[in-house]
Amino acid sequence: MPNWKKLITSGSNAALNTLNVTTSVTASSALIADLTYPTSDGTNGQVIGTDGSGNLSFIAGGGSKGQKGEIGEKGQKGQLGAQGETGTQGATGTQGSQGIQGIFGPQGATGTQGITGTQGTQGTVGPQGIQGITGTKGEVGAQGITGTQGTQGTIGTQGETGTQGTTGTQGTQGITGTQGITGTQGETGTQGTQGIQGTIGTQGITGEKGQKGEVGTTGQKGER
């Protein structure tokens, strides 16, 4: 428990120019800076009000709260990073060599010439005055058999197709721009002062409405 010190003043002209107190002061009446403070505690929920003439007393709470400051605007979104360069195209594989042409089969031999028919015998000369009969012409020999056609040479095999060149690597993705900084929160408006206590029996006038909080500063624009 703190060490309490009692300060006693009396007389109609008693005055105290300077008083530094780090805990509390107890007095039957208190006049500080031309303001008369109440000498006893009020009830739960009451606040200290003034009558405008330097007299302070406990009155019912109810002063309206100042309006909340507006929220600062959100910073703009940073721009997207530039697109990375596209990788170079891989070299095309070499063309496979063409297969060699198959050799043609040899020409078949020509068939032998058929034998010529024998010459018919000459007819005998007839007796004078009558023409002898001409002998019949020998038959023409049959046509020799045509030689068989040589077989077709086999087709050379198709050369193998060259392998596909490897594809160039994909360029890396550009770095995404940083997020713009969010604007700071506007300060909350100050609490309005409590209305003064009215005369005995009547309700005091309600305090004036607190001033509107200042608008929060706009957030900085995001870096590129």
Foldseek 3Di string as FASTA:
>chain_A
DDDDDADDFDDPPTDDDDDDDDPDYADCWDQDPLATEDRDDDDPQWDWFDPVRRYIDTAHDDAAFAAFAAFAAFAAFFAFFDFFDFFDFFDFFDFFDFFDFFDFFDFFDFFDAFDAFDAFDAFDQDPPPDGTDGTDGTDGGDGGDGTDGTDGTDGTDGTDGTDGGDGGDGGDGGHTFDTFDTFDTFGTFGTFDAFHQDPPPDGGDGTDHTYHTHHTHHTYHGYD
